[in-house]
Amino acid sequence: MPQIQLTPAQRREHRAEAHHLDPVVLIGGDGLTEAVEKEVDLALNSHGLIKIRVFSDDRANREAIFLKLTDSLNAAPIQHIGKLLVLWRPMPEKEKQIDEDRKAGPRDVKVLKFSKNVWQKPEIKQIRILGNQRLTAGGQVKRAKKPKLKSIKKQQGS
């Protein structure tokens, strides 16, 4: 697969973003194995921009690993500095699952409680209302009313 081509400005931007990242994948003495390549692919899918630390003193070997990863995983080479490699690949879009049976979730509501004393400020309370609850006009939290079911005879008669 061909590598992703980036402009120098894009590469600089990704280098700046990667500066504070910690290495996600560590490549040890065995070098680049299929398992390591699979882990790098998973990390690119989940993070997009990753750092890899190679525990090898041979610069040519690190350069070969860097080029092989960019070619095989269709990633853009961002930076190779010392024993750190930085790769970037755009993250795939995640599908949003729509659940038809999902009910309303909890919501936070502010309620004003007025005092009988006119000069006193109203008290503000934050209340969490769950999906099966409702807020009355007086500021009380009650369970939501269930719809009344008609009897089977009344449904057949109408």
Protein backbone atom coordinates (compact mmCIF):
# COMPACT_ATOMS: atom_id res chain seq x y z
CA MET A 1 0.00 0.00 0.00
CA PRO A 2 1.28 3.50 -0.72
CA GLN A 3 2.14 5.89 2.08
CA ILE A 4 0.02 8.91 2.89
CA GLN A 5 1.68 12.04 1.54
CA LEU A 6 1.63 15.08 3.85
CA THR A 7 2.74 18.63 3.29
CA PRO A 8 5.53 19.96 5.52
CA ALA A 9 3.01 22.14 7.37
CA GLN A 10 0.79 19.13 8.14
CA ARG A 11 3.81 17.11 9.25
CA ARG A 12 4.90 19.97 11.55
CA GLU A 13 1.42 20.15 13.07
CA HIS A 14 1.39 16.39 13.77
CA ARG A 15 4.89 16.60 15.28
CA ALA A 16 3.66 19.29 17.66
CA GLU A 17 0.65 17.16 18.65
CA ALA A 18 2.87 14.11 19.23
CA HIS A 19 5.33 15.98 21.44
CA HIS A 20 3.39 15.29 24.65
CA LEU A 21 2.44 11.70 23.79
CA ASP A 22 3.98 8.68 25.46
CA PRO A 23 5.06 5.66 23.38
CA VAL A 24 2.12 3.31 22.86
CA VAL A 25 4.01 0.39 21.29
CA LEU A 26 7.44 -0.85 22.33
CA ILE A 27 9.54 -2.90 19.90
CA GLY A 28 12.04 -5.11 21.73
CA GLY A 29 14.95 -7.31 20.79
CA ASP A 30 12.90 -9.57 18.48
CA GLY A 31 12.33 -6.62 16.17
CA LEU A 32 9.24 -6.12 14.06
CA THR A 33 7.08 -9.24 14.31
CA GLU A 34 3.53 -9.85 13.07
CA ALA A 35 2.18 -9.36 16.60
CA VAL A 36 3.92 -6.01 16.95
CA GLU A 37 2.66 -4.92 13.53
CA LYS A 38 -0.88 -5.89 14.55
CA GLU A 39 -0.57 -3.87 17.77
CA VAL A 40 0.66 -0.84 15.82
CA ASP A 41 -2.34 -1.18 13.49
CA LEU A 42 -4.75 -1.35 16.46
CA ALA A 43 -3.10 1.68 18.06
CA LEU A 44 -3.37 3.67 14.82
CA ASN A 45 -7.06 2.75 14.55
CA SER A 46 -7.79 3.87 18.08
CA HIS A 47 -5.48 6.90 18.43
CA GLY A 48 -4.57 8.06 14.93
CA LEU A 49 -1.23 9.56 16.02
CA ILE A 50 1.15 7.30 17.94
CA LYS A 51 4.70 7.09 19.20
CA ILE A 52 6.69 3.86 18.99
CA ARG A 53 9.88 3.18 20.96
CA VAL A 54 12.42 0.81 19.37
CA PHE A 55 14.95 -0.75 21.75
CA SER A 56 17.64 -1.20 19.14
CA ASP A 57 20.95 0.64 18.85
CA ASP A 58 21.20 0.11 15.08
CA ARG A 59 19.91 3.26 13.31
CA ALA A 60 19.62 1.49 9.94
CA ASN A 61 17.43 -1.19 11.54
CA ARG A 62 15.17 1.47 13.10
CA GLU A 63 14.90 3.24 9.74
CA ALA A 64 13.95 -0.06 8.05
CA ILE A 65 11.27 -0.70 10.71
CA PHE A 66 9.94 2.83 10.22
CA LEU A 67 9.66 2.43 6.43
CA LYS A 68 8.16 -1.07 6.67
CA LEU A 69 5.46 0.12 9.11
CA THR A 70 4.51 3.10 6.95
CA ASP A 71 4.30 0.94 3.82
CA SER A 72 2.45 -2.03 5.28
CA LEU A 73 -0.03 -0.05 7.44
CA ASN A 74 -0.69 2.83 5.01
CA ALA A 75 0.50 5.37 7.57
CA ALA A 76 2.28 8.68 7.17
CA PRO A 77 5.81 8.94 8.58
CA ILE A 78 5.89 11.98 10.86
CA GLN A 79 9.19 11.80 12.71
CA HIS A 80 12.12 9.51 13.49
CA ILE A 81 14.20 10.97 16.25
CA GLY A 82 16.53 8.75 18.26
CA LYS A 83 14.71 5.59 19.26
CA LEU A 84 11.25 7.14 18.83
CA LEU A 85 9.12 6.77 15.73
CA VAL A 86 5.97 8.82 15.17
CA LEU A 87 3.27 7.57 12.78
CA TRP A 88 -0.08 9.06 11.77
CA ARG A 89 -3.06 7.65 9.96
CA PRO A 90 -6.55 9.20 9.78
CA MET A 91 -8.91 7.48 12.17
CA PRO A 92 -11.82 5.57 10.59
CA GLU A 93 -15.30 6.97 11.17
CA LYS A 94 -17.21 5.17 13.90
CA GLU A 95 -20.77 4.16 13.21
CA LYS A 96 -23.31 5.48 15.67
CA GLN A 97 -25.74 2.83 16.76
CA ILE A 98 -29.28 4.07 17.10
CA ASP A 99 -31.32 2.23 19.70
CA GLU A 100 -35.05 2.57 19.04
CA ASP A 101 -36.02 1.32 22.51
CA ARG A 102 -33.85 3.82 24.37
CA LYS A 103 -35.71 5.98 26.86
CA ALA A 104 -34.88 9.46 28.17
CA GLY A 105 -31.77 9.68 30.31
CA PRO A 106 -31.13 11.68 33.48
CA ARG A 107 -31.15 15.46 33.29
CA ASP A 108 -30.11 18.17 35.74
CA VAL A 109 -32.64 20.89 36.55
CA LYS A 110 -32.30 24.03 38.66
CA VAL A 111 -35.25 24.67 40.99
CA LEU A 112 -35.93 27.94 42.84
CA LYS A 113 -37.28 27.57 46.37
CA PHE A 114 -38.86 30.82 47.53
CA SER A 115 -38.94 31.74 51.21
CA LYS A 116 -41.95 33.21 53.01
CA ASN A 117 -39.75 36.16 53.91
CA VAL A 118 -39.96 38.66 51.05
CA TRP A 119 -36.49 40.08 51.65
CA GLN A 120 -34.69 36.73 51.52
CA LYS A 121 -33.24 35.56 48.21
CA PRO A 122 -34.69 32.37 46.70
CA GLU A 123 -32.65 29.23 47.24
CA ILE A 124 -31.35 27.55 44.08
CA LYS A 125 -31.24 23.74 44.13
CA GLN A 126 -29.82 21.51 41.44
CA ILE A 127 -31.85 18.31 41.09
CA ARG A 128 -31.15 15.28 38.90
CA ILE A 129 -34.30 13.88 37.31
CA LEU A 130 -34.17 10.34 35.99
CA GLY A 131 -35.96 9.11 32.88
CA ASN A 132 -38.97 7.78 34.79
CA GLN A 133 -39.46 10.93 36.91
CA ARG A 134 -41.12 14.29 36.42
CA LEU A 135 -40.94 17.65 38.14
CA THR A 136 -44.17 19.08 39.54
CA ALA A 137 -45.07 22.78 39.61
CA GLY A 138 -44.17 22.91 43.33
CA GLY A 139 -40.63 21.60 42.66
CA GLN A 140 -41.32 18.06 43.83
CA VAL A 141 -39.87 15.04 41.98
CA LYS A 142 -42.42 12.31 41.28
CA ARG A 143 -42.55 9.22 39.16
CA ALA A 144 -43.98 9.79 35.71
CA LYS A 145 -47.61 8.90 35.22
CA LYS A 146 -48.27 5.72 33.32
CA PRO A 147 -50.88 5.87 30.59
CA LYS A 148 -54.16 4.34 31.71
CA LEU A 149 -55.04 1.17 29.89
CA LYS A 150 -58.55 0.68 28.62
CA SER A 151 -60.20 -2.61 29.28
CA ILE A 152 -60.38 -5.09 26.44
CA LYS A 153 -64.21 -4.84 26.36
CA LYS A 154 -64.10 -1.05 25.99
CA GLN A 155 -61.51 -1.31 23.20
CA GLN A 156 -63.69 -3.80 21.29
CA GLY A 157 -66.84 -1.73 21.80
CA SER A 158 -65.48 1.51 20.39
